[in-house]
Amino acid sequence: MLIAVDRLAKGTMVVIYKVAFLRAEVLILRKANKGFSKRRKAKKIRIRLGGLLIVQNIRDLLDGKAVGEQLA
């Protein structure tokens, strides 16, 4: 009976340590995801604010390149 209680206590301690480790890991990953999410959101905002200008600039460059090739 005493051996069973010792084994149960040891198993319980292992589970407690694993839970503590997983909680710490989740906290680290949440912080990393929060930073990644902020960078991605900022990138989307920059693209949204300047997206039409960027596309127009690319079209202008391609048109200029096409004209240059026709002249050459």
PDB file of N, CA and C in Angstrom:
ATOM      1  N   MET A   1       0.828  -1.197   0.000  1.00  0.00           N
ATOM      2  CA  MET A   1       0.000   0.000   0.000  1.00  0.00           C
ATOM      3  C   MET A   1       0.871   1.260   0.000  1.00  0.00           C
ATOM      4  N   LEU A   2       1.920   1.250   0.786  1.00  0.00           N
ATOM      5  CA  LEU A   2       2.802   2.400   0.888  1.00  0.00           C
ATOM      6  C   LEU A   2       3.544   2.643  -0.427  1.00  0.00           C
ATOM      7  N   ILE A   3       3.907   1.567  -1.104  1.00  0.00           N
ATOM      8  CA  ILE A   3       4.591   1.685  -2.394  1.00  0.00           C
ATOM      9  C   ILE A   3       3.664   2.320  -3.420  1.00  0.00           C
ATOM     10  N   ALA A   4       2.416   1.951  -3.414  1.00  0.00           N
ATOM     11  CA  ALA A   4       1.438   2.511  -4.355  1.00  0.00           C
ATOM     12  C   ALA A   4       1.258   4.005  -4.120  1.00  0.00           C
ATOM     13  N   VAL A   5       1.230   4.403  -2.854  1.00  0.00           N
ATOM     14  CA  VAL A   5       1.078   5.824  -2.517  1.00  0.00           C
ATOM     15  C   VAL A   5       2.319   6.604  -2.970  1.00  0.00           C
ATOM     16  N   ASP A   6       3.506   6.026  -2.762  1.00  0.00           N
ATOM     17  CA  ASP A   6       4.741   6.676  -3.201  1.00  0.00           C
ATOM     18  C   ASP A   6       4.762   6.854  -4.721  1.00  0.00           C
ATOM     19  N   ARG A   7       4.367   5.819  -5.425  1.00  0.00           N
ATOM     20  CA  ARG A   7       4.330   5.895  -6.891  1.00  0.00           C
ATOM     21  C   ARG A   7       3.325   6.938  -7.366  1.00  0.00           C
ATOM     22  N   LEU A   8       2.175   6.984  -6.694  1.00  0.00           N
ATOM     23  CA  LEU A   8       1.150   7.971  -7.045  1.00  0.00           C
ATOM     24  C   LEU A   8       1.672   9.388  -6.789  1.00  0.00           C
ATOM     25  N   ALA A   9       2.351   9.578  -5.666  1.00  0.00           N
ATOM     26  CA  ALA A   9       2.911  10.892  -5.343  1.00  0.00           C
ATOM     27  C   ALA A   9       3.976  11.281  -6.365  1.00  0.00           C
ATOM     28  N   LYS A  10       4.834  10.337  -6.728  1.00  0.00           N
ATOM     29  CA  LYS A  10       5.883  10.606  -7.709  1.00  0.00           C
ATOM     30  C   LYS A  10       5.273  10.954  -9.069  1.00  0.00           C
ATOM     31  N   GLY A  11       4.263  10.211  -9.490  1.00  0.00           N
ATOM     32  CA  GLY A  11       3.575  10.486 -10.749  1.00  0.00           C
ATOM     33  C   GLY A  11       2.902  11.845 -10.734  1.00  0.00           C
ATOM     34  N   THR A  12       2.320  12.188  -9.587  1.00  0.00           N
ATOM     35  CA  THR A  12       1.667  13.485  -9.454  1.00  0.00           C
ATOM     36  C   THR A  12       2.688  14.609  -9.581  1.00  0.00           C
ATOM     37  N   MET A  13       3.861  14.452  -8.986  1.00  0.00           N
ATOM     38  CA  MET A  13       4.909  15.469  -9.070  1.00  0.00           C
ATOM     39  C   MET A  13       5.402  15.630 -10.511  1.00  0.00           C
ATOM     40  N   VAL A  14       5.523  14.522 -11.227  1.00  0.00           N
ATOM     41  CA  VAL A  14       5.936  14.591 -12.630  1.00  0.00           C
ATOM     42  C   VAL A  14       4.917  15.388 -13.431  1.00  0.00           C
ATOM     43  N   VAL A  15       3.655  15.131 -13.203  1.00  0.00           N
ATOM     44  CA  VAL A  15       2.598  15.851 -13.919  1.00  0.00           C
ATOM     45  C   VAL A  15       2.632  17.335 -13.564  1.00  0.00           C
ATOM     46  N   ILE A  16       2.841  17.650 -12.307  1.00  0.00           N
ATOM     47  CA  ILE A  16       2.900  19.055 -11.882  1.00  0.00           C
ATOM     48  C   ILE A  16       4.051  19.776 -12.574  1.00  0.00           C
ATOM     49  N   TYR A  17       5.222  19.140 -12.639  1.00  0.00           N
ATOM     50  CA  TYR A  17       6.369  19.758 -13.308  1.00  0.00           C
ATOM     51  C   TYR A  17       6.111  19.932 -14.798  1.00  0.00           C
ATOM     52  N   LYS A  18       5.473  18.953 -15.418  1.00  0.00           N
ATOM     53  CA  LYS A  18       5.165  19.067 -16.841  1.00  0.00           C
ATOM     54  C   LYS A  18       4.199  20.214 -17.096  1.00  0.00           C
ATOM     55  N   VAL A  19       3.202  20.356 -16.232  1.00  0.00           N
ATOM     56  CA  VAL A  19       2.233  21.448 -16.385  1.00  0.00           C
ATOM     57  C   VAL A  19       2.933  22.795 -16.225  1.00  0.00           C
ATOM     58  N   ALA A  20       3.822  22.902 -15.251  1.00  0.00           N
ATOM     59  CA  ALA A  20       4.549  24.157 -15.050  1.00  0.00           C
ATOM     60  C   ALA A  20       5.406  24.475 -16.274  1.00  0.00           C
ATOM     61  N   PHE A  21       6.076  23.474 -16.815  1.00  0.00           N
ATOM     62  CA  PHE A  21       6.896  23.668 -18.008  1.00  0.00           C
ATOM     63  C   PHE A  21       6.045  24.100 -19.192  1.00  0.00           C
ATOM     64  N   LEU A  22       4.911  23.446 -19.384  1.00  0.00           N
ATOM     65  CA  LEU A  22       4.042  23.782 -20.509  1.00  0.00           C
ATOM     66  C   LEU A  22       3.454  25.177 -20.369  1.00  0.00           C
ATOM     67  N   ARG A  23       3.125  25.572 -19.148  1.00  0.00           N
ATOM     68  CA  ARG A  23       2.624  26.936 -18.939  1.00  0.00           C
ATOM     69  C   ARG A  23       3.676  27.969 -19.316  1.00  0.00           C
ATOM     70  N   ALA A  24       4.913  27.724 -18.916  1.00  0.00           N
ATOM     71  CA  ALA A  24       5.993  28.649 -19.256  1.00  0.00           C
ATOM     72  C   ALA A  24       6.196  28.699 -20.767  1.00  0.00           C
ATOM     73  N   GLU A  25       6.131  27.543 -21.411  1.00  0.00           N
ATOM     74  CA  GLU A  25       6.301  27.488 -22.861  1.00  0.00           C
ATOM     75  C   GLU A  25       5.175  28.231 -23.579  1.00  0.00           C
ATOM     76  N   VAL A  26       3.959  28.063 -23.105  1.00  0.00           N
ATOM     77  CA  VAL A  26       2.811  28.761 -23.698  1.00  0.00           C
ATOM     78  C   VAL A  26       2.976  30.269 -23.550  1.00  0.00           C
ATOM     79  N   LEU A  27       3.445  30.711 -22.402  1.00  0.00           N
ATOM     80  CA  LEU A  27       3.658  32.139 -22.177  1.00  0.00           C
ATOM     81  C   LEU A  27       4.688  32.695 -23.155  1.00  0.00           C
ATOM     82  N   ILE A  28       5.783  31.977 -23.353  1.00  0.00           N
ATOM     83  CA  ILE A  28       6.817  32.409 -24.298  1.00  0.00           C
ATOM     84  C   ILE A  28       6.255  32.468 -25.711  1.00  0.00           C
ATOM     85  N   LEU A  29       5.507  31.442 -26.109  1.00  0.00           N
ATOM     86  CA  LEU A  29       4.942  31.411 -27.459  1.00  0.00           C
ATOM     87  C   LEU A  29       3.900  32.499 -27.672  1.00  0.00           C
ATOM     88  N   ARG A  30       3.119  32.789 -26.641  1.00  0.00           N
ATOM     89  CA  ARG A  30       2.128  33.868 -26.770  1.00  0.00           C
ATOM     90  C   ARG A  30       2.808  35.214 -26.982  1.00  0.00           C
ATOM     91  N   LYS A  31       3.904  35.455 -26.249  1.00  0.00           N
ATOM     92  CA  LYS A  31       4.631  36.713 -26.436  1.00  0.00           C
ATOM     93  C   LYS A  31       5.200  36.799 -27.845  1.00  0.00           C
ATOM     94  N   ALA A  32       5.750  35.691 -28.330  1.00  0.00           N
ATOM     95  CA  ALA A  32       6.310  35.675 -29.689  1.00  0.00           C
ATOM     96  C   ALA A  32       5.216  35.899 -30.725  1.00  0.00           C
ATOM     97  N   ASN A  33       4.072  35.263 -30.549  1.00  0.00           N
ATOM     98  CA  ASN A  33       2.961  35.429 -31.486  1.00  0.00           C
ATOM     99  C   ASN A  33       2.423  36.853 -31.463  1.00  0.00           C
ATOM    100  N   LYS A  34       2.404  37.467 -30.294  1.00  0.00           N
ATOM    101  CA  LYS A  34       1.914  38.835 -30.190  1.00  0.00           C
ATOM    102  C   LYS A  34       2.819  39.778 -30.984  1.00  0.00           C
ATOM    103  N   GLY A  35       4.122  39.603 -30.846  1.00  0.00           N
ATOM    104  CA  GLY A  35       5.056  40.431 -31.612  1.00  0.00           C
ATOM    105  C   GLY A  35       4.933  40.188 -33.100  1.00  0.00           C
ATOM    106  N   PHE A  36       4.814  38.929 -33.493  1.00  0.00           N
ATOM    107  CA  PHE A  36       4.657  38.583 -34.905  1.00  0.00           C
ATOM    108  C   PHE A  36       3.369  39.175 -35.461  1.00  0.00           C
ATOM    109  N   SER A  37       2.297  39.095 -34.674  1.00  0.00           N
ATOM    110  CA  SER A  37       1.007  39.619 -35.104  1.00  0.00           C
ATOM    111  C   SER A  37       1.077  41.133 -35.309  1.00  0.00           C
ATOM    112  N   LYS A  38       1.781  41.833 -34.417  1.00  0.00           N
ATOM    113  CA  LYS A  38       1.911  43.285 -34.568  1.00  0.00           C
ATOM    114  C   LYS A  38       2.665  43.634 -35.843  1.00  0.00           C
ATOM    115  N   ARG A  39       3.749  42.900 -36.115  1.00  0.00           N
ATOM    116  CA  ARG A  39       4.513  43.175 -37.336  1.00  0.00           C
ATOM    117  C   ARG A  39       3.681  42.895 -38.578  1.00  0.00           C
ATOM    118  N   ARG A  40       2.925  41.800 -38.568  1.00  0.00           N
ATOM    119  CA  ARG A  40       2.109  41.450 -39.726  1.00  0.00           C
ATOM    120  C   ARG A  40       1.010  42.480 -39.927  1.00  0.00           C
ATOM    121  N   LYS A  41       0.405  42.936 -38.827  1.00  0.00           N
ATOM    122  CA  LYS A  41      -0.656  43.932 -38.922  1.00  0.00           C
ATOM    123  C   LYS A  41      -0.099  45.248 -39.464  1.00  0.00           C
ATOM    124  N   ALA A  42       1.080  45.647 -38.995  1.00  0.00           N
ATOM    125  CA  ALA A  42       1.688  46.883 -39.485  1.00  0.00           C
ATOM    126  C   ALA A  42       1.999  46.766 -40.970  1.00  0.00           C
ATOM    127  N   LYS A  43       2.459  45.609 -41.403  1.00  0.00           N
ATOM    128  CA  LYS A  43       2.763  45.400 -42.818  1.00  0.00           C
ATOM    129  C   LYS A  43       1.494  45.506 -43.657  1.00  0.00           C
ATOM    130  N   LYS A  44       0.403  44.918 -43.181  1.00  0.00           N
ATOM    131  CA  LYS A  44      -0.860  44.988 -43.918  1.00  0.00           C
ATOM    132  C   LYS A  44      -1.349  46.423 -44.024  1.00  0.00           C
ATOM    133  N   ILE A  45      -1.186  47.179 -42.943  1.00  0.00           N
ATOM    134  CA  ILE A  45      -1.626  48.575 -42.964  1.00  0.00           C
ATOM    135  C   ILE A  45      -0.795  49.366 -43.967  1.00  0.00           C
ATOM    136  N   ARG A  46       0.539  49.141 -43.969  1.00  0.00           N
ATOM    137  CA  ARG A  46       1.387  49.849 -44.934  1.00  0.00           C
ATOM    138  C   ARG A  46       0.982  49.504 -46.361  1.00  0.00           C
ATOM    139  N   ILE A  47       0.706  48.238 -46.610  1.00  0.00           N
ATOM    140  CA  ILE A  47       0.312  47.821 -47.953  1.00  0.00           C
ATOM    141  C   ILE A  47      -1.028  48.442 -48.315  1.00  0.00           C
ATOM    142  N   ARG A  48      -1.965  48.450 -47.347  1.00  0.00           N
ATOM    143  CA  ARG A  48      -3.280  48.996 -47.618  1.00  0.00           C
ATOM    144  C   ARG A  48      -3.191  50.490 -47.906  1.00  0.00           C
ATOM    145  N   LEU A  49      -2.387  51.220 -47.145  1.00  0.00           N
ATOM    146  CA  LEU A  49      -2.282  52.666 -47.346  1.00  0.00           C
ATOM    147  C   LEU A  49      -1.532  53.007 -48.625  1.00  0.00           C
ATOM    148  N   GLY A  50      -0.549  52.221 -48.974  1.00  0.00           N
ATOM    149  CA  GLY A  50       0.244  52.549 -50.145  1.00  0.00           C
ATOM    150  C   GLY A  50       0.084  51.571 -51.285  1.00  0.00           C
ATOM    151  N   GLY A  51      -0.867  50.660 -51.163  1.00  0.00           N
ATOM    152  CA  GLY A  51      -1.015  49.590 -52.146  1.00  0.00           C
ATOM    153  C   GLY A  51      -1.289  50.085 -53.555  1.00  0.00           C
ATOM    154  N   LEU A  52      -2.202  51.032 -53.723  1.00  0.00           N
ATOM    155  CA  LEU A  52      -2.534  51.507 -55.058  1.00  0.00           C
ATOM    156  C   LEU A  52      -1.366  52.237 -55.688  1.00  0.00           C
ATOM    157  N   LEU A  53      -0.645  52.996 -54.877  1.00  0.00           N
ATOM    158  CA  LEU A  53       0.514  53.702 -55.416  1.00  0.00           C
ATOM    159  C   LEU A  53       1.581  52.719 -55.855  1.00  0.00           C
ATOM    160  N   ILE A  54       1.775  51.676 -55.062  1.00  0.00           N
ATOM    161  CA  ILE A  54       2.789  50.681 -55.400  1.00  0.00           C
ATOM    162  C   ILE A  54       2.421  49.980 -56.699  1.00  0.00           C
ATOM    163  N   VAL A  55       1.178  49.568 -56.831  1.00  0.00           N
ATOM    164  CA  VAL A  55       0.735  48.891 -58.047  1.00  0.00           C
ATOM    165  C   VAL A  55       0.865  49.826 -59.237  1.00  0.00           C
ATOM    166  N   GLN A  56       0.475  51.067 -59.066  1.00  0.00           N
ATOM    167  CA  GLN A  56       0.579  52.033 -60.159  1.00  0.00           C
ATOM    168  C   GLN A  56       2.033  52.252 -60.543  1.00  0.00           C
ATOM    169  N   ASN A  57       2.909  52.337 -59.552  1.00  0.00           N
ATOM    170  CA  ASN A  57       4.341  52.513 -59.847  1.00  0.00           C
ATOM    171  C   ASN A  57       4.884  51.318 -60.619  1.00  0.00           C
ATOM    172  N   ILE A  58       4.489  50.131 -60.257  1.00  0.00           N
ATOM    173  CA  ILE A  58       4.944  48.933 -60.960  1.00  0.00           C
ATOM    174  C   ILE A  58       4.447  48.948 -62.395  1.00  0.00           C
ATOM    175  N   ARG A  59       3.204  49.331 -62.584  1.00  0.00           N
ATOM    176  CA  ARG A  59       2.655  49.405 -63.947  1.00  0.00           C
ATOM    177  C   ARG A  59       3.415  50.431 -64.778  1.00  0.00           C
ATOM    178  N   ASP A  60       3.708  51.578 -64.160  1.00  0.00           N
ATOM    179  CA  ASP A  60       4.464  52.611 -64.876  1.00  0.00           C
ATOM    180  C   ASP A  60       5.848  52.109 -65.258  1.00  0.00           C
ATOM    181  N   LEU A  61       6.496  51.419 -64.330  1.00  0.00           N
ATOM    182  CA  LEU A  61       7.824  50.884 -64.631  1.00  0.00           C
ATOM    183  C   LEU A  61       7.763  49.860 -65.758  1.00  0.00           C
ATOM    184  N   LEU A  62       6.763  48.994 -65.728  1.00  0.00           N
ATOM    185  CA  LEU A  62       6.623  47.994 -66.785  1.00  0.00           C
ATOM    186  C   LEU A  62       6.319  48.653 -68.128  1.00  0.00           C
ATOM    187  N   ASP A  63       5.476  49.677 -68.104  1.00  0.00           N
ATOM    188  CA  ASP A  63       5.175  50.401 -69.343  1.00  0.00           C
ATOM    189  C   ASP A  63       6.434  51.077 -69.881  1.00  0.00           C
ATOM    190  N   GLY A  64       7.224  51.690 -68.993  1.00  0.00           N
ATOM    191  CA  GLY A  64       8.468  52.337 -69.409  1.00  0.00           C
ATOM    192  C   GLY A  64       9.450  51.330 -69.969  1.00  0.00           C
ATOM    193  N   LYS A  65       9.504  50.159 -69.365  1.00  0.00           N
ATOM    194  CA  LYS A  65      10.405  49.112 -69.845  1.00  0.00           C
ATOM    195  C   LYS A  65       9.956  48.641 -71.228  1.00  0.00           C
ATOM    196  N   ALA A  66       8.661  48.485 -71.418  1.00  0.00           N
ATOM    197  CA  ALA A  66       8.138  48.049 -72.710  1.00  0.00           C
ATOM    198  C   ALA A  66       8.443  49.087 -73.794  1.00  0.00           C
ATOM    199  N   VAL A  67       8.292  50.361 -73.455  1.00  0.00           N
ATOM    200  CA  VAL A  67       8.592  51.418 -74.423  1.00  0.00           C
ATOM    201  C   VAL A  67      10.079  51.401 -74.748  1.00  0.00           C
ATOM    202  N   GLY A  68      10.918  51.204 -73.733  1.00  0.00           N
ATOM    203  CA  GLY A  68      12.369  51.145 -73.955  1.00  0.00           C
ATOM    204  C   GLY A  68      12.763  49.978 -74.847  1.00  0.00           C
ATOM    205  N   GLU A  69      12.105  48.859 -74.702  1.00  0.00           N
ATOM    206  CA  GLU A  69      12.396  47.688 -75.537  1.00  0.00           C
ATOM    207  C   GLU A  69      11.937  47.934 -76.962  1.00  0.00           C
ATOM    208  N   GLN A  70      10.823  48.653 -77.143  1.00  0.00           N
ATOM    209  CA  GLN A  70      10.338  48.923 -78.489  1.00  0.00           C
ATOM    210  C   GLN A  70      11.279  49.880 -79.220  1.00  0.00           C
ATOM    211  N   LEU A  71      11.879  50.808 -78.489  1.00  0.00           N
ATOM    212  CA  LEU A  71      12.782  51.776 -79.093  1.00  0.00           C
ATOM    213  C   LEU A  71      14.134  51.151 -79.424  1.00  0.00           C
ATOM    214  N   ALA A  72      14.489  50.111 -78.692  1.00  0.00           N
ATOM    215  CA  ALA A  72      15.818  49.504 -78.890  1.00  0.00           C
ATOM    216  C   ALA A  72      15.878  48.598 -80.081  1.00  0.00           C
TER     217      ALA A  72
END
